[in-house]
């Protein structure tokens, strides 16, 4: 089975819309580019915790984009963020991948399908439903 199409999450309301639209199906959430530097790993962790409280049984993969900052990726892993994206040097990516795997996480490649962006959507739940269909 093909993985679900990615949805960009800029706030908790975006995550709520995606999870409501998925209605229990797997969801692939991604942060904004370089969000680890702007929002911080702690902010992303708080968003993940809120999602887990509101949708405890939802199958969610939520990827924090760390750009090319290995330090941001390490901070995220230290806080228990299990899915990170890193676009830095290959040697650093290999080390981060090993660290992520040792902690039960994954390093996601910087390329892939462009995610659905919910900014400006009048009905984000409907937009997510259409995207995931």
N, C-alpha and C. Protein backbone atom coordinates (compact mmCIF):
# COMPACT_ATOMS: atom_id res chain seq x y z
N UNK A 1 0.84 -1.18 0.00
CA UNK A 1 0.00 0.00 0.00
C UNK A 1 0.88 1.25 0.00
N UNK A 2 0.49 2.22 -0.76
CA UNK A 2 1.24 3.47 -0.88
C UNK A 2 1.07 4.31 0.39
N UNK A 3 2.13 4.99 0.85
CA UNK A 3 1.98 5.82 2.04
C UNK A 3 1.04 7.00 1.76
N UNK A 4 0.42 7.53 2.80
CA UNK A 4 -0.49 8.66 2.58
C UNK A 4 0.25 9.89 2.07
N UNK A 5 -0.46 10.72 1.33
CA UNK A 5 0.13 11.95 0.79
C UNK A 5 0.40 12.92 1.95
N UNK A 6 1.50 13.65 1.88
CA UNK A 6 1.87 14.53 3.00
C UNK A 6 1.02 15.79 3.08
N UNK A 7 0.80 16.23 4.32
CA UNK A 7 0.07 17.46 4.59
C UNK A 7 0.96 18.34 5.46
N UNK A 8 1.17 19.58 5.02
CA UNK A 8 2.00 20.52 5.79
C UNK A 8 1.20 21.04 6.98
N UNK A 9 1.83 20.99 8.14
CA UNK A 9 1.22 21.42 9.39
C UNK A 9 1.97 22.64 9.91
N UNK A 10 1.26 23.75 10.01
CA UNK A 10 1.85 24.97 10.54
C UNK A 10 1.37 25.26 11.96
N UNK A 11 0.29 24.59 12.37
CA UNK A 11 -0.27 24.82 13.70
C UNK A 11 -1.14 23.61 14.08
N UNK A 12 -1.59 23.61 15.32
CA UNK A 12 -2.42 22.52 15.80
C UNK A 12 -3.72 22.39 15.01
N UNK A 13 -4.31 23.50 14.61
CA UNK A 13 -5.55 23.43 13.82
C UNK A 13 -5.34 22.70 12.50
N UNK A 14 -4.18 22.87 11.87
CA UNK A 14 -3.87 22.14 10.63
C UNK A 14 -3.85 20.64 10.91
N UNK A 15 -3.21 20.25 12.00
CA UNK A 15 -3.13 18.83 12.35
C UNK A 15 -4.52 18.28 12.64
N UNK A 16 -5.32 19.04 13.35
CA UNK A 16 -6.69 18.61 13.64
C UNK A 16 -7.48 18.38 12.35
N UNK A 17 -7.34 19.29 11.40
CA UNK A 17 -8.06 19.16 10.12
C UNK A 17 -7.63 17.90 9.39
N UNK A 18 -6.32 17.65 9.36
CA UNK A 18 -5.81 16.47 8.66
C UNK A 18 -6.30 15.19 9.30
N UNK A 19 -6.26 15.13 10.62
CA UNK A 19 -6.67 13.91 11.32
C UNK A 19 -8.18 13.71 11.25
N UNK A 20 -8.93 14.78 11.29
CA UNK A 20 -10.38 14.66 11.14
C UNK A 20 -10.73 14.14 9.75
N UNK A 21 -10.05 14.66 8.73
CA UNK A 21 -10.30 14.24 7.36
C UNK A 21 -9.92 12.78 7.14
N UNK A 22 -8.85 12.35 7.78
CA UNK A 22 -8.37 10.97 7.59
C UNK A 22 -9.29 9.95 8.25
N UNK A 23 -10.02 10.36 9.26
CA UNK A 23 -11.00 9.49 9.93
C UNK A 23 -10.42 8.12 10.29
N UNK A 24 -9.25 8.14 10.90
CA UNK A 24 -8.63 6.90 11.36
C UNK A 24 -7.64 6.26 10.41
N UNK A 25 -7.60 6.74 9.17
CA UNK A 25 -6.61 6.23 8.21
C UNK A 25 -5.24 6.86 8.53
N UNK A 26 -4.16 6.24 8.09
CA UNK A 26 -2.84 6.80 8.34
C UNK A 26 -2.68 8.20 7.75
N UNK A 27 -1.95 9.05 8.47
CA UNK A 27 -1.72 10.43 8.07
C UNK A 27 -0.23 10.71 8.11
N UNK A 28 0.24 11.45 7.11
CA UNK A 28 1.65 11.86 7.03
C UNK A 28 1.71 13.38 7.11
N UNK A 29 2.09 13.89 8.28
CA UNK A 29 2.19 15.33 8.50
C UNK A 29 3.64 15.75 8.36
N UNK A 30 3.87 16.92 7.79
CA UNK A 30 5.22 17.47 7.68
C UNK A 30 5.19 18.92 8.15
N UNK A 31 6.27 19.32 8.76
CA UNK A 31 6.38 20.71 9.21
C UNK A 31 6.73 21.61 8.04
N UNK A 32 6.74 22.89 8.30
CA UNK A 32 7.24 23.84 7.31
C UNK A 32 8.74 23.60 7.12
N UNK A 33 9.29 24.00 5.99
CA UNK A 33 10.74 23.87 5.80
C UNK A 33 11.50 24.60 6.91
N UNK A 34 12.53 23.96 7.42
CA UNK A 34 13.38 24.51 8.48
C UNK A 34 12.62 24.88 9.75
N UNK A 35 11.51 24.21 10.00
CA UNK A 35 10.70 24.52 11.18
C UNK A 35 11.45 24.30 12.48
N UNK A 36 12.41 23.39 12.50
CA UNK A 36 13.15 23.14 13.73
C UNK A 36 13.89 24.40 14.18
N UNK A 37 14.29 25.23 13.25
CA UNK A 37 14.97 26.47 13.61
C UNK A 37 14.01 27.56 14.03
N UNK A 38 12.82 27.59 13.45
CA UNK A 38 11.86 28.65 13.76
C UNK A 38 10.97 28.28 14.94
N UNK A 39 10.35 27.13 14.87
CA UNK A 39 9.43 26.66 15.90
C UNK A 39 10.20 26.02 17.06
N UNK A 40 11.27 25.34 16.71
CA UNK A 40 12.05 24.62 17.70
C UNK A 40 11.52 23.22 17.91
N UNK A 41 12.41 22.35 18.34
CA UNK A 41 12.03 20.96 18.60
C UNK A 41 11.00 20.89 19.71
N UNK A 42 11.11 21.76 20.71
CA UNK A 42 10.15 21.76 21.81
C UNK A 42 8.75 22.14 21.35
N UNK A 43 8.64 23.08 20.45
CA UNK A 43 7.34 23.47 19.91
C UNK A 43 6.71 22.34 19.12
N UNK A 44 7.52 21.65 18.31
CA UNK A 44 7.01 20.51 17.54
C UNK A 44 6.59 19.38 18.48
N UNK A 45 7.41 19.13 19.52
CA UNK A 45 7.09 18.09 20.50
C UNK A 45 5.74 18.41 21.17
N UNK A 46 5.52 19.68 21.52
CA UNK A 46 4.26 20.07 22.14
C UNK A 46 3.09 19.83 21.18
N UNK A 47 3.28 20.11 19.91
CA UNK A 47 2.24 19.86 18.91
C UNK A 47 1.95 18.36 18.83
N UNK A 48 2.99 17.55 18.82
CA UNK A 48 2.80 16.09 18.76
C UNK A 48 2.07 15.58 20.00
N UNK A 49 2.41 16.12 21.16
CA UNK A 49 1.74 15.70 22.39
C UNK A 49 0.25 16.06 22.35
N UNK A 50 -0.06 17.25 21.84
CA UNK A 50 -1.46 17.66 21.73
C UNK A 50 -2.23 16.75 20.76
N UNK A 51 -1.59 16.40 19.65
CA UNK A 51 -2.22 15.48 18.69
C UNK A 51 -2.50 14.14 19.36
N UNK A 52 -1.52 13.65 20.10
CA UNK A 52 -1.66 12.35 20.75
C UNK A 52 -2.79 12.36 21.79
N UNK A 53 -2.96 13.47 22.49
CA UNK A 53 -4.05 13.58 23.47
C UNK A 53 -5.42 13.61 22.78
N UNK A 54 -5.52 14.36 21.69
CA UNK A 54 -6.80 14.52 21.02
C UNK A 54 -7.17 13.35 20.10
N UNK A 55 -6.14 12.71 19.54
CA UNK A 55 -6.37 11.60 18.59
C UNK A 55 -5.48 10.42 19.01
N UNK A 56 -5.76 9.82 20.17
CA UNK A 56 -4.84 8.83 20.74
C UNK A 56 -4.61 7.59 19.87
N UNK A 57 -5.56 7.24 19.05
CA UNK A 57 -5.43 6.02 18.25
C UNK A 57 -5.08 6.29 16.79
N UNK A 58 -4.87 7.54 16.44
CA UNK A 58 -4.61 7.89 15.03
C UNK A 58 -3.21 7.45 14.62
N UNK A 59 -3.11 6.77 13.49
CA UNK A 59 -1.79 6.39 12.96
C UNK A 59 -1.16 7.58 12.24
N UNK A 60 -0.23 8.25 12.93
CA UNK A 60 0.35 9.49 12.43
C UNK A 60 1.86 9.37 12.30
N UNK A 61 2.38 9.81 11.17
CA UNK A 61 3.81 10.06 11.00
C UNK A 61 3.93 11.57 10.88
N UNK A 62 4.70 12.19 11.76
CA UNK A 62 4.84 13.65 11.77
C UNK A 62 6.32 13.99 11.68
N UNK A 63 6.72 14.57 10.55
CA UNK A 63 8.13 14.81 10.24
C UNK A 63 8.50 16.27 10.48
N UNK A 64 9.49 16.48 11.33
CA UNK A 64 10.01 17.82 11.60
C UNK A 64 11.17 18.10 10.66
N UNK A 65 11.06 19.16 9.88
CA UNK A 65 12.13 19.55 8.95
C UNK A 65 13.19 20.34 9.71
N UNK A 66 14.41 19.82 9.70
CA UNK A 66 15.53 20.44 10.41
C UNK A 66 16.47 21.17 9.47
N UNK A 67 16.09 21.27 8.19
CA UNK A 67 16.97 21.92 7.22
C UNK A 67 18.32 21.25 7.21
N UNK A 68 19.38 22.06 7.16
CA UNK A 68 20.73 21.49 7.16
C UNK A 68 21.41 21.64 8.51
N UNK A 69 20.62 21.85 9.57
CA UNK A 69 21.15 22.07 10.91
C UNK A 69 21.16 20.77 11.71
N UNK A 70 22.32 20.14 11.78
CA UNK A 70 22.44 18.88 12.51
C UNK A 70 22.11 19.07 13.99
N UNK A 71 22.45 20.22 14.55
CA UNK A 71 22.15 20.48 15.95
C UNK A 71 20.65 20.49 16.23
N UNK A 72 19.88 21.04 15.31
CA UNK A 72 18.43 21.03 15.47
C UNK A 72 17.90 19.60 15.39
N UNK A 73 18.47 18.81 14.51
CA UNK A 73 18.04 17.41 14.38
C UNK A 73 18.36 16.64 15.67
N UNK A 74 19.55 16.86 16.22
CA UNK A 74 19.92 16.19 17.47
C UNK A 74 19.02 16.62 18.62
N UNK A 75 18.69 17.89 18.69
CA UNK A 75 17.80 18.38 19.74
C UNK A 75 16.42 17.73 19.62
N UNK A 76 15.94 17.60 18.40
CA UNK A 76 14.64 16.96 18.18
C UNK A 76 14.67 15.51 18.63
N UNK A 77 15.70 14.80 18.26
CA UNK A 77 15.82 13.40 18.66
C UNK A 77 15.91 13.28 20.17
N UNK A 78 16.62 14.18 20.82
CA UNK A 78 16.75 14.16 22.27
C UNK A 78 15.41 14.38 22.96
N UNK A 79 14.51 15.13 22.32
CA UNK A 79 13.18 15.38 22.89
C UNK A 79 12.17 14.30 22.51
N UNK A 80 12.61 13.28 21.79
CA UNK A 80 11.72 12.18 21.44
C UNK A 80 10.97 12.36 20.14
N UNK A 81 11.37 13.33 19.34
CA UNK A 81 10.79 13.46 18.00
C UNK A 81 11.42 12.35 17.16
N UNK A 82 10.60 11.44 16.67
CA UNK A 82 11.14 10.25 16.02
C UNK A 82 11.30 10.37 14.52
N UNK A 83 10.65 11.34 13.91
CA UNK A 83 10.71 11.48 12.46
C UNK A 83 11.23 12.87 12.12
N UNK A 84 12.42 12.90 11.50
CA UNK A 84 13.03 14.19 11.16
C UNK A 84 13.49 14.17 9.71
N UNK A 85 13.55 15.36 9.14
CA UNK A 85 14.07 15.53 7.79
C UNK A 85 15.32 16.40 7.93
N UNK A 86 16.38 16.01 7.21
CA UNK A 86 17.66 16.71 7.27
C UNK A 86 18.20 16.82 5.85
N UNK A 87 18.63 18.02 5.48
CA UNK A 87 19.11 18.24 4.11
C UNK A 87 20.58 18.64 4.07
N UNK A 88 21.30 18.36 5.13
CA UNK A 88 22.72 18.73 5.20
C UNK A 88 23.62 17.71 4.53
N UNK A 89 24.89 17.79 4.87
CA UNK A 89 25.91 16.92 4.26
C UNK A 89 25.59 15.44 4.44
N UNK A 90 26.01 14.66 3.47
CA UNK A 90 25.72 13.22 3.47
C UNK A 90 26.33 12.52 4.69
N UNK A 91 27.54 12.91 5.07
CA UNK A 91 28.18 12.27 6.23
C UNK A 91 27.39 12.55 7.50
N UNK A 92 26.94 13.79 7.67
CA UNK A 92 26.14 14.13 8.84
C UNK A 92 24.80 13.41 8.79
N UNK A 93 24.22 13.30 7.62
CA UNK A 93 22.95 12.59 7.46
C UNK A 93 23.09 11.13 7.86
N UNK A 94 24.19 10.52 7.49
CA UNK A 94 24.42 9.11 7.84
C UNK A 94 24.52 8.95 9.36
N UNK A 95 25.23 9.86 10.01
CA UNK A 95 25.35 9.80 11.47
C UNK A 95 24.00 10.03 12.13
N UNK A 96 23.27 11.02 11.65
CA UNK A 96 21.95 11.30 12.21
C UNK A 96 20.99 10.13 12.01
N UNK A 97 21.08 9.49 10.86
CA UNK A 97 20.24 8.33 10.60
C UNK A 97 20.53 7.22 11.61
N UNK A 98 21.79 6.98 11.90
CA UNK A 98 22.17 5.96 12.89
C UNK A 98 21.62 6.32 14.27
N UNK A 99 21.74 7.59 14.65
CA UNK A 99 21.25 8.04 15.95
C UNK A 99 19.74 7.90 16.01
N UNK A 100 19.07 8.32 14.95
CA UNK A 100 17.60 8.22 14.90
C UNK A 100 17.16 6.76 15.03
N UNK A 101 17.80 5.88 14.29
CA UNK A 101 17.44 4.46 14.34
C UNK A 101 17.66 3.89 15.73
N UNK A 102 18.75 4.28 16.38
CA UNK A 102 19.04 3.79 17.73
C UNK A 102 17.96 4.23 18.73
N UNK A 103 17.28 5.34 18.42
CA UNK A 103 16.22 5.86 19.29
C UNK A 103 14.83 5.47 18.79
N UNK A 104 14.78 4.58 17.81
CA UNK A 104 13.50 4.14 17.28
C UNK A 104 12.89 5.10 16.28
N UNK A 105 13.71 6.00 15.73
CA UNK A 105 13.22 7.00 14.80
C UNK A 105 13.70 6.78 13.39
N UNK A 106 13.39 7.76 12.54
CA UNK A 106 13.78 7.68 11.13
C UNK A 106 14.22 9.04 10.63
N UNK A 107 15.18 9.02 9.76
CA UNK A 107 15.61 10.21 9.05
C UNK A 107 14.96 10.14 7.66
N UNK A 108 14.17 11.13 7.33
CA UNK A 108 13.46 11.15 6.06
C UNK A 108 14.26 11.95 5.04
N UNK A 109 14.28 11.53 3.80
CA UNK A 109 15.03 12.26 2.78
C UNK A 109 14.40 13.63 2.52
N UNK A 110 15.20 14.58 2.07
CA UNK A 110 14.68 15.94 1.84
C UNK A 110 13.78 16.07 0.62
N UNK A 111 13.72 15.07 -0.22
CA UNK A 111 12.87 15.18 -1.41
C UNK A 111 11.60 14.36 -1.23
N UNK A 112 10.73 14.47 -2.17
CA UNK A 112 9.48 13.73 -2.11
C UNK A 112 8.35 14.59 -2.63
N UNK A 113 7.15 14.08 -2.50
CA UNK A 113 5.98 14.78 -2.99
C UNK A 113 5.77 16.08 -2.22
N UNK A 114 5.43 17.12 -2.93
CA UNK A 114 5.13 18.41 -2.30
C UNK A 114 3.86 18.24 -1.46
N UNK A 115 3.89 18.67 -0.19
CA UNK A 115 2.72 18.46 0.67
C UNK A 115 1.58 19.43 0.38
N UNK A 116 0.40 19.05 0.78
CA UNK A 116 -0.75 19.94 0.75
C UNK A 116 -0.50 21.03 1.78
N UNK A 117 -0.64 22.27 1.38
CA UNK A 117 -0.49 23.41 2.29
C UNK A 117 -1.88 23.96 2.58
N UNK A 118 -2.24 24.04 3.84
CA UNK A 118 -3.59 24.45 4.23
C UNK A 118 -3.75 25.95 4.41
N UNK A 119 -2.68 26.71 4.24
CA UNK A 119 -2.80 28.16 4.40
C UNK A 119 -3.83 28.72 3.43
N UNK A 120 -4.73 29.53 3.97
CA UNK A 120 -5.73 30.21 3.15
C UNK A 120 -6.90 29.33 2.72
N UNK A 121 -6.94 28.10 3.16
CA UNK A 121 -8.06 27.21 2.78
C UNK A 121 -9.28 27.54 3.62
N UNK A 122 -10.40 27.75 2.98
CA UNK A 122 -11.64 28.06 3.71
C UNK A 122 -12.13 26.86 4.49
N UNK A 123 -11.96 25.69 3.92
CA UNK A 123 -12.40 24.46 4.58
C UNK A 123 -11.23 23.47 4.56
N UNK A 124 -10.34 23.55 5.55
CA UNK A 124 -9.16 22.69 5.54
C UNK A 124 -9.49 21.21 5.64
N UNK A 125 -10.56 20.86 6.34
CA UNK A 125 -10.93 19.45 6.43
C UNK A 125 -11.31 18.91 5.05
N UNK A 126 -12.11 19.66 4.30
CA UNK A 126 -12.49 19.24 2.95
C UNK A 126 -11.27 19.17 2.04
N UNK A 127 -10.37 20.14 2.16
CA UNK A 127 -9.15 20.11 1.35
C UNK A 127 -8.33 18.86 1.65
N UNK A 128 -8.25 18.50 2.92
CA UNK A 128 -7.51 17.29 3.30
C UNK A 128 -8.21 16.04 2.78
N UNK A 129 -9.53 16.00 2.88
CA UNK A 129 -10.27 14.84 2.37
C UNK A 129 -10.01 14.64 0.88
N UNK A 130 -10.09 15.73 0.12
CA UNK A 130 -9.82 15.66 -1.32
C UNK A 130 -8.41 15.18 -1.59
N UNK A 131 -7.45 15.70 -0.84
CA UNK A 131 -6.04 15.37 -1.00
C UNK A 131 -5.76 13.91 -0.71
N UNK A 132 -6.41 13.40 0.32
CA UNK A 132 -6.16 12.03 0.76
C UNK A 132 -6.96 11.00 -0.03
N UNK A 133 -7.98 11.44 -0.77
CA UNK A 133 -8.84 10.50 -1.51
C UNK A 133 -8.10 9.88 -2.68
